Amino acid sequence: QVELVESGGGLVQPGGSLRLSCVVSRSITDIYAVAWYRQAPGNQRELVARIINGISTGRSTTYRDSVKGRFTISTDADKNTIDLQMNSLKAEDTAVYYCNAVHGGSVSWGQGTQVTVSS
């Protein structure tokens, strides 16, 4: 089991930026896949961005269409963090954002951090 703790959420005006960070309890290089999901009130949880470290396929990164060009997912092996840089934020980005990790056949989730985009 991997423990995940998110930080960095808050209130930001439309067009602004936020950086979310997720501290991981084990070496990030050992983890098969890491991701950020979000869930807005009344909606299902949806994938925002994911990094997969495939043994044979190498590292691959995917984004949902609505955040392409605005959000960037990255990992820091020294700090064992999964980061999400969010730029040009829109009201529709408002949600609780969750960090996710897949390792050893198990799926782990963080507790979530609220992101509110409003003027």
C-alpha atoms as a PDB file:
ATOM      1  CA  GLN A   1       0.000   0.000   0.000  1.00  0.00           C
ATOM      2  CA  VAL A   2       1.224   3.481  -0.906  1.00  0.00           C
ATOM      3  CA  GLU A   3       0.293   6.506   1.203  1.00  0.00           C
ATOM      4  CA  LEU A   4      -0.416   9.748  -0.628  1.00  0.00           C
ATOM      5  CA  VAL A   5      -0.827  13.244   0.843  1.00  0.00           C
ATOM      6  CA  GLU A   6      -1.905  16.143  -1.383  1.00  0.00           C
ATOM      7  CA  SER A   7      -1.372  19.869  -0.878  1.00  0.00           C
ATOM      8  CA  GLY A   8      -1.594  23.082  -2.856  1.00  0.00           C
ATOM      9  CA  GLY A   9      -5.299  23.543  -3.435  1.00  0.00           C
ATOM     10  CA  GLY A  10      -7.117  26.815  -2.873  1.00  0.00           C
ATOM     11  CA  LEU A  11      -9.125  29.635  -4.370  1.00  0.00           C
ATOM     12  CA  VAL A  12      -7.872  31.247  -7.571  1.00  0.00           C
ATOM     13  CA  GLN A  13      -9.355  33.654 -10.107  1.00  0.00           C
ATOM     14  CA  PRO A  14     -10.076  32.538 -13.682  1.00  0.00           C
ATOM     15  CA  GLY A  15      -6.876  32.641 -15.726  1.00  0.00           C
ATOM     16  CA  GLY A  16      -4.735  32.066 -12.651  1.00  0.00           C
ATOM     17  CA  SER A  17      -2.408  29.214 -11.741  1.00  0.00           C
ATOM     18  CA  LEU A  18      -2.036  26.664  -8.976  1.00  0.00           C
ATOM     19  CA  ARG A  19       0.458  23.885  -8.339  1.00  0.00           C
ATOM     20  CA  LEU A  20      -0.690  20.721  -6.598  1.00  0.00           C
ATOM     21  CA  SER A  21       1.788  18.375  -4.973  1.00  0.00           C
ATOM     22  CA  CYS A  22       1.373  14.826  -3.682  1.00  0.00           C
ATOM     23  CA  VAL A  23       3.949  13.284  -1.351  1.00  0.00           C
ATOM     24  CA  VAL A  24       4.361   9.530  -1.878  1.00  0.00           C
ATOM     25  CA  SER A  25       5.377   7.146   0.916  1.00  0.00           C
ATOM     26  CA  ARG A  26       7.760   5.096  -1.228  1.00  0.00           C
ATOM     27  CA  SER A  27      10.214   5.695  -4.046  1.00  0.00           C
ATOM     28  CA  ILE A  28       8.352   7.225  -6.969  1.00  0.00           C
ATOM     29  CA  THR A  29      10.569   5.310  -9.387  1.00  0.00           C
ATOM     30  CA  ASP A  30       9.126   1.996  -8.130  1.00  0.00           C
ATOM     31  CA  ILE A  31       5.538   2.920  -8.910  1.00  0.00           C
ATOM     32  CA  TYR A  32       3.907   1.668 -12.116  1.00  0.00           C
ATOM     33  CA  ALA A  33       1.489   4.557 -12.666  1.00  0.00           C
ATOM     34  CA  VAL A  34       0.693   7.871 -10.995  1.00  0.00           C
ATOM     35  CA  ALA A  35      -2.166  10.196 -11.787  1.00  0.00           C
ATOM     36  CA  TRP A  36      -4.349  13.123 -10.786  1.00  0.00           C
ATOM     37  CA  TYR A  37      -8.134  12.749 -10.810  1.00  0.00           C
ATOM     38  CA  ARG A  38     -10.829  15.279  -9.953  1.00  0.00           C
ATOM     39  CA  GLN A  39     -14.436  15.197  -8.864  1.00  0.00           C
ATOM     40  CA  ALA A  40     -16.851  18.102  -9.066  1.00  0.00           C
ATOM     41  CA  PRO A  41     -20.133  18.109  -7.090  1.00  0.00           C
ATOM     42  CA  GLY A  42     -22.683  15.845  -8.743  1.00  0.00           C
ATOM     43  CA  ASN A  43     -20.120  14.435 -11.166  1.00  0.00           C
ATOM     44  CA  GLN A  44     -18.142  11.217 -11.349  1.00  0.00           C
ATOM     45  CA  ARG A  45     -14.442  11.208 -10.589  1.00  0.00           C
ATOM     46  CA  GLU A  46     -12.509  11.770 -13.807  1.00  0.00           C
ATOM     47  CA  LEU A  47      -8.921  11.311 -14.895  1.00  0.00           C
ATOM     48  CA  VAL A  48      -7.023  14.571 -15.373  1.00  0.00           C
ATOM     49  CA  ALA A  49      -3.495  13.367 -16.171  1.00  0.00           C
ATOM     50  CA  ARG A  50      -1.478  10.166 -15.824  1.00  0.00           C
ATOM     51  CA  ILE A  51       2.108   8.952 -16.095  1.00  0.00           C
ATOM     52  CA  ILE A  52       2.690   5.260 -16.780  1.00  0.00           C
ATOM     53  CA  ASN A  53       6.143   3.743 -16.343  1.00  0.00           C
ATOM     54  CA  GLY A  54       5.920   0.671 -18.558  1.00  0.00           C
ATOM     55  CA  ILE A  55       8.808  -1.791 -18.406  1.00  0.00           C
ATOM     56  CA  SER A  56       8.736  -2.482 -22.124  1.00  0.00           C
ATOM     57  CA  THR A  57       6.956   0.614 -23.386  1.00  0.00           C
ATOM     58  CA  GLY A  58       8.783   3.230 -21.347  1.00  0.00           C
ATOM     59  CA  ARG A  59       7.279   6.332 -19.801  1.00  0.00           C
ATOM     60  CA  SER A  60       4.061   7.723 -21.256  1.00  0.00           C
ATOM     61  CA  THR A  61       1.939  10.712 -20.247  1.00  0.00           C
ATOM     62  CA  THR A  62      -1.725  11.346 -21.042  1.00  0.00           C
ATOM     63  CA  TYR A  63      -4.118  14.246 -20.368  1.00  0.00           C
ATOM     64  CA  ARG A  64      -7.841  14.669 -20.685  1.00  0.00           C
ATOM     65  CA  ASP A  65      -8.630  16.850 -23.675  1.00  0.00           C
ATOM     66  CA  SER A  66     -10.020  19.778 -21.669  1.00  0.00           C
ATOM     67  CA  VAL A  67      -6.716  20.346 -19.824  1.00  0.00           C
ATOM     68  CA  LYS A  68      -4.222  19.732 -22.652  1.00  0.00           C
ATOM     69  CA  GLY A  69      -1.871  22.678 -23.042  1.00  0.00           C
ATOM     70  CA  ARG A  70      -2.864  24.100 -19.636  1.00  0.00           C
ATOM     71  CA  PHE A  71      -1.927  21.382 -17.123  1.00  0.00           C
ATOM     72  CA  THR A  72       1.378  19.557 -16.705  1.00  0.00           C
ATOM     73  CA  ILE A  73       1.917  16.414 -14.608  1.00  0.00           C
ATOM     74  CA  SER A  74       5.420  15.628 -13.386  1.00  0.00           C
ATOM     75  CA  THR A  75       7.284  13.622 -10.770  1.00  0.00           C
ATOM     76  CA  ASP A  76      10.259  14.517  -8.590  1.00  0.00           C
ATOM     77  CA  ALA A  77      12.343  11.468  -7.656  1.00  0.00           C
ATOM     78  CA  ASP A  78      14.347  13.401  -5.046  1.00  0.00           C
ATOM     79  CA  LYS A  79      11.261  14.602  -3.177  1.00  0.00           C
ATOM     80  CA  ASN A  80       9.036  11.587  -4.042  1.00  0.00           C
ATOM     81  CA  THR A  81       6.248  13.837  -5.227  1.00  0.00           C
ATOM     82  CA  ILE A  82       3.683  13.848  -8.013  1.00  0.00           C
ATOM     83  CA  ASP A  83       2.999  17.418  -9.117  1.00  0.00           C
ATOM     84  CA  LEU A  84       0.293  19.029 -11.211  1.00  0.00           C
ATOM     85  CA  GLN A  85       0.950  22.505 -12.571  1.00  0.00           C
ATOM     86  CA  MET A  86      -2.347  24.106 -13.569  1.00  0.00           C
ATOM     87  CA  ASN A  87      -2.336  27.265 -15.683  1.00  0.00           C
ATOM     88  CA  SER A  88      -5.093  29.307 -17.322  1.00  0.00           C
ATOM     89  CA  LEU A  89      -7.593  27.923 -14.866  1.00  0.00           C
ATOM     90  CA  LYS A  90     -11.279  28.023 -15.699  1.00  0.00           C
ATOM     91  CA  ALA A  91     -14.399  27.846 -13.553  1.00  0.00           C
ATOM     92  CA  GLU A  92     -15.046  24.352 -14.865  1.00  0.00           C
ATOM     93  CA  ASP A  93     -11.757  23.187 -13.321  1.00  0.00           C
ATOM     94  CA  THR A  94     -13.336  23.615  -9.894  1.00  0.00           C
ATOM     95  CA  ALA A  95     -13.283  20.245  -8.121  1.00  0.00           C
ATOM     96  CA  VAL A  96     -11.642  18.161  -5.450  1.00  0.00           C
ATOM     97  CA  TYR A  97      -8.382  16.871  -6.905  1.00  0.00           C
ATOM     98  CA  TYR A  98      -7.080  13.427  -5.890  1.00  0.00           C
ATOM     99  CA  CYS A  99      -3.655  11.921  -6.247  1.00  0.00           C
ATOM    100  CA  ASN A 100      -3.575   8.271  -7.381  1.00  0.00           C
ATOM    101  CA  ALA A 101      -0.921   5.560  -7.576  1.00  0.00           C
ATOM    102  CA  VAL A 102      -0.946   2.018  -8.941  1.00  0.00           C
ATOM    103  CA  HIS A 103       1.706  -0.266  -7.471  1.00  0.00           C
ATOM    104  CA  GLY A 104       1.953  -3.999  -6.942  1.00  0.00           C
ATOM    105  CA  GLY A 105      -1.615  -4.578  -8.049  1.00  0.00           C
ATOM    106  CA  SER A 106      -3.001  -2.082  -5.537  1.00  0.00           C
ATOM    107  CA  VAL A 107      -4.574   1.302  -6.142  1.00  0.00           C
ATOM    108  CA  SER A 108      -3.993   4.079  -3.617  1.00  0.00           C
ATOM    109  CA  TRP A 109      -5.734   7.435  -3.238  1.00  0.00           C
ATOM    110  CA  GLY A 110      -4.938  10.610  -1.382  1.00  0.00           C
ATOM    111  CA  GLN A 111      -7.494  12.447   0.748  1.00  0.00           C
ATOM    112  CA  GLY A 112      -8.117  15.126  -1.889  1.00  0.00           C
ATOM    113  CA  THR A 113      -7.518  18.870  -2.092  1.00  0.00           C
ATOM    114  CA  GLN A 114     -10.121  21.462  -3.079  1.00  0.00           C
ATOM    115  CA  VAL A 115      -9.493  23.700  -6.083  1.00  0.00           C
ATOM    116  CA  THR A 116     -11.965  26.545  -6.595  1.00  0.00           C
ATOM    117  CA  VAL A 117     -11.756  28.828  -9.619  1.00  0.00           C
ATOM    118  CA  SER A 118     -13.927  31.872  -9.113  1.00  0.00           C
ATOM    119  CA  SER A 119     -13.846  35.651  -9.370  1.00  0.00           C
END
